[in-house]
């Protein structure tokens, strides 16, 4: 990979990673509800899952979906259902301080966050876009691994911004009215993320 290509990959990964999407909205809510440190497994799981997804895409997983489109449809609807449940839980969430002390629902785990990438439409678009745009004639395992790792290295600090921002907002959101507005907006945004899943 040339320095020019590496720079282009990093730019693509940064812009794609830091813009709003299901992962970042969930990290923002997790930062508010559980704090930055408790959200670290969630962040690491996203990056690891994305690396595996991109590597799999580059090594031919996309062809599998072309052969069995029902598998892709299943993943789309599973992701839509999961986001609906998350939006409902977020809409009913309590104050951040109270939830940290007594909430029985822990932050999303490393494995859960990694597996979610397989039903996340934005992660698929990023993976397919990176492989199609930057792999060129270099389609071997090492070339795909280099591309995936480079995107992953850029992805982690970008998504961390959202969890950190949520943690910084938690004190302000301890009041009932701002908390209600925040939870309603986050739930609505998560529901809006479902449309690309079911419309494609």
Protein backbone atom coordinates (compact mmCIF):
# COMPACT_ATOMS: atom_id res chain seq x y z
CA UNK A 1 0.00 0.00 0.00
CA UNK A 2 1.44 3.34 -1.04
CA UNK A 3 1.53 6.31 1.36
CA UNK A 4 -1.06 8.09 -0.80
CA UNK A 5 -3.43 5.12 -0.60
CA UNK A 6 -2.87 4.77 3.14
CA UNK A 7 -3.74 8.45 3.63
CA UNK A 8 -6.89 8.02 1.56
CA UNK A 9 -7.89 4.93 3.56
CA UNK A 10 -7.35 6.78 6.86
CA UNK A 11 -9.43 9.73 5.66
CA UNK A 12 -12.23 7.45 4.51
CA UNK A 13 -12.16 5.50 7.79
CA UNK A 14 -12.13 8.66 9.92
CA UNK A 15 -15.04 10.31 8.15
CA UNK A 16 -17.05 7.07 8.06
CA UNK A 17 -16.32 6.22 11.69
CA UNK A 18 -17.01 9.55 13.35
CA UNK A 19 -20.27 10.39 11.58
CA UNK A 20 -23.57 9.36 13.24
CA UNK A 21 -24.75 5.79 12.92
CA UNK A 22 -26.06 2.94 15.11
CA UNK A 23 -22.68 2.28 16.75
CA UNK A 24 -22.03 5.90 17.66
CA UNK A 25 -25.54 6.56 18.90
CA UNK A 26 -25.35 3.49 21.15
CA UNK A 27 -21.92 4.60 22.42
CA UNK A 28 -23.26 8.07 23.18
CA UNK A 29 -26.08 6.52 25.20
CA UNK A 30 -23.67 4.10 26.89
CA UNK A 31 -21.37 6.95 27.87
CA UNK A 32 -24.31 8.80 29.43
CA UNK A 33 -25.66 5.74 31.20
CA UNK A 34 -22.53 3.85 32.25
CA UNK A 35 -19.58 6.22 31.81
CA UNK A 36 -16.56 6.10 29.48
CA UNK A 37 -14.53 3.41 31.20
CA UNK A 38 -17.42 0.95 31.46
CA UNK A 39 -18.08 1.48 27.73
CA UNK A 40 -14.54 0.42 26.72
CA UNK A 41 -15.49 -3.22 25.96
CA UNK A 42 -18.30 -1.90 23.76
CA UNK A 43 -15.85 0.30 21.83
CA UNK A 44 -13.23 -2.43 21.45
CA UNK A 45 -15.90 -4.89 20.33
CA UNK A 46 -17.06 -2.52 17.60
CA UNK A 47 -13.55 -2.11 16.24
CA UNK A 48 -12.72 -5.82 16.43
CA UNK A 49 -16.02 -6.81 14.83
CA UNK A 50 -15.54 -4.26 12.06
CA UNK A 51 -12.03 -5.55 11.32
CA UNK A 52 -13.34 -9.12 11.05
CA UNK A 53 -16.27 -7.98 8.91
CA UNK A 54 -14.03 -6.05 6.51
CA UNK A 55 -11.55 -8.91 6.27
CA UNK A 56 -14.37 -11.35 5.57
CA UNK A 57 -15.83 -9.03 2.94
CA UNK A 58 -12.48 -8.68 1.22
CA UNK A 59 -11.99 -12.44 1.18
CA UNK A 60 -15.27 -13.16 -0.55
CA UNK A 61 -18.17 -12.99 1.90
CA UNK A 62 -20.02 -10.60 -0.40
CA UNK A 63 -20.20 -13.34 -3.03
CA UNK A 64 -21.89 -15.58 -0.47
CA UNK A 65 -24.71 -13.08 -0.02
CA UNK A 66 -25.12 -12.80 -3.78
CA UNK A 67 -25.58 -16.54 -3.94
CA UNK A 68 -27.93 -16.74 -0.93
CA UNK A 69 -29.77 -13.39 -0.69
CA UNK A 70 -32.10 -14.75 2.01
CA UNK A 71 -29.13 -14.81 4.39
CA UNK A 72 -28.61 -11.11 3.82
CA UNK A 73 -32.33 -10.46 4.32
CA UNK A 74 -32.25 -12.34 7.62
CA UNK A 75 -29.33 -10.24 8.88
CA UNK A 76 -31.06 -7.01 7.83
CA UNK A 77 -34.28 -7.81 9.70
CA UNK A 78 -32.39 -9.13 12.72
CA UNK A 79 -30.52 -5.83 12.91
CA UNK A 80 -33.76 -3.86 12.56
CA UNK A 81 -35.35 -5.84 15.38
CA UNK A 82 -32.35 -5.39 17.64
CA UNK A 83 -32.27 -1.62 17.09
CA UNK A 84 -36.00 -1.44 17.84
CA UNK A 85 -35.46 -3.13 21.21
CA UNK A 86 -32.53 -0.82 21.99
CA UNK A 87 -34.57 2.25 21.08
CA UNK A 88 -37.40 1.12 23.35
CA UNK A 89 -35.02 0.51 26.26
CA UNK A 90 -33.35 3.87 25.72
CA UNK A 91 -36.68 5.69 25.61
CA UNK A 92 -37.55 4.21 29.02
CA UNK A 93 -34.10 4.77 30.57
CA UNK A 94 -33.71 6.35 34.00
CA UNK A 95 -31.31 9.05 35.16
CA UNK A 96 -27.63 8.31 34.47
CA UNK A 97 -26.58 8.41 38.13
CA UNK A 98 -29.39 6.13 39.22
CA UNK A 99 -28.78 3.72 36.39
CA UNK A 100 -25.09 3.38 37.17
CA UNK A 101 -25.91 2.43 40.74
CA UNK A 102 -28.87 0.13 40.25
CA UNK A 103 -29.41 -0.75 36.57
CA UNK A 104 -29.47 -4.50 36.03
CA UNK A 105 -28.60 -4.05 32.35
CA UNK A 106 -24.81 -3.87 31.96
CA UNK A 107 -23.07 -2.02 29.14
CA UNK A 108 -22.88 -3.89 25.84
CA UNK A 109 -20.19 -6.55 26.00
CA UNK A 110 -17.19 -6.94 23.72
CA UNK A 111 -18.75 -9.99 22.04
CA UNK A 112 -22.16 -8.35 21.70
CA UNK A 113 -20.67 -5.25 20.07
CA UNK A 114 -18.52 -7.35 17.73
CA UNK A 115 -21.48 -9.47 16.64
CA UNK A 116 -23.65 -6.40 16.11
CA UNK A 117 -21.40 -5.31 13.23
CA UNK A 118 -22.80 -8.18 11.16
CA UNK A 119 -26.29 -6.63 11.26
CA UNK A 120 -25.17 -2.99 11.16
CA UNK A 121 -25.84 -1.49 7.70
CA UNK A 122 -23.32 1.32 8.17
CA UNK A 123 -20.56 -1.17 9.01
CA UNK A 124 -21.39 -3.14 5.86
CA UNK A 125 -21.30 0.01 3.72
CA UNK A 126 -17.95 0.99 5.21
CA UNK A 127 -16.48 -2.49 4.69
CA UNK A 128 -17.70 -2.84 1.12
CA UNK A 129 -16.71 0.73 0.29
CA UNK A 130 -13.19 0.32 1.64
CA UNK A 131 -12.62 -3.02 -0.09
CA UNK A 132 -14.03 -1.83 -3.40
CA UNK A 133 -12.33 1.54 -3.31
CA UNK A 134 -8.87 0.77 -1.97
CA UNK A 135 -7.98 -2.87 -2.55
CA UNK A 136 -7.42 -2.51 -6.30
CA UNK A 137 -5.62 -5.55 -7.66
CA UNK A 138 -4.28 -6.45 -4.19
CA UNK A 139 -6.86 -8.99 -3.05
CA UNK A 140 -4.70 -11.42 -1.09
CA UNK A 141 -5.07 -12.17 2.60
CA UNK A 142 -2.22 -9.89 3.70
CA UNK A 143 -3.47 -6.98 1.61
CA UNK A 144 -6.98 -7.34 3.07
CA UNK A 145 -5.61 -7.70 6.59
CA UNK A 146 -3.53 -4.53 6.17
CA UNK A 147 -6.55 -2.62 4.92
CA UNK A 148 -8.79 -3.89 7.72
CA UNK A 149 -6.25 -3.17 10.46
CA UNK A 150 -5.59 0.34 9.16
CA UNK A 151 -9.32 1.09 9.18
CA UNK A 152 -9.62 -0.42 12.66
CA UNK A 153 -6.79 1.71 14.06
CA UNK A 154 -8.56 4.84 12.82
CA UNK A 155 -12.01 3.61 13.84
CA UNK A 156 -11.35 3.20 17.58
CA UNK A 157 -10.42 6.79 18.52
CA UNK A 158 -13.20 8.15 16.30
CA UNK A 159 -15.96 6.15 17.96
CA UNK A 160 -14.46 6.81 21.40
CA UNK A 161 -15.35 10.48 20.96
CA UNK A 162 -19.03 9.56 21.17
CA UNK A 163 -18.71 7.56 24.40
CA UNK A 164 -16.60 10.32 25.94
CA UNK A 165 -19.14 12.93 24.89
CA UNK A 166 -21.90 10.89 26.50
CA UNK A 167 -19.95 10.58 29.72
CA UNK A 168 -19.44 14.36 29.80
CA UNK A 169 -23.18 14.91 29.31
CA UNK A 170 -24.24 12.58 32.12
CA UNK A 171 -24.21 15.25 34.86
CA UNK A 172 -26.38 17.61 32.83
CA UNK A 173 -28.74 14.75 31.97
CA UNK A 174 -29.33 13.92 35.63
CA UNK A 175 -32.21 16.40 35.51
CA UNK A 176 -35.54 14.97 34.44
CA UNK A 177 -36.43 17.27 31.54
CA UNK A 178 -33.08 17.19 29.67
CA UNK A 179 -32.90 13.43 30.25
CA UNK A 180 -36.34 12.92 28.76
CA UNK A 181 -35.48 15.02 25.70
CA UNK A 182 -32.15 13.23 25.22
CA UNK A 183 -33.64 9.75 25.55
CA UNK A 184 -36.47 10.59 23.16
CA UNK A 185 -34.07 12.03 20.57
CA UNK A 186 -31.68 9.07 20.81
CA UNK A 187 -34.52 6.57 20.53
CA UNK A 188 -35.89 8.40 17.48
CA UNK A 189 -32.46 8.49 15.83
CA UNK A 190 -31.96 4.77 16.43
CA UNK A 191 -35.36 4.09 14.88
CA UNK A 192 -34.35 6.26 11.91
CA UNK A 193 -31.32 4.00 11.41
CA UNK A 194 -33.73 1.12 10.75
CA UNK A 195 -35.03 2.58 7.49
CA UNK A 196 -31.86 1.90 5.45
CA UNK A 197 -31.93 -1.69 6.73
CA UNK A 198 -35.44 -2.53 5.59
CA UNK A 199 -35.51 -0.31 2.50
CA UNK A 200 -32.43 -1.76 0.81
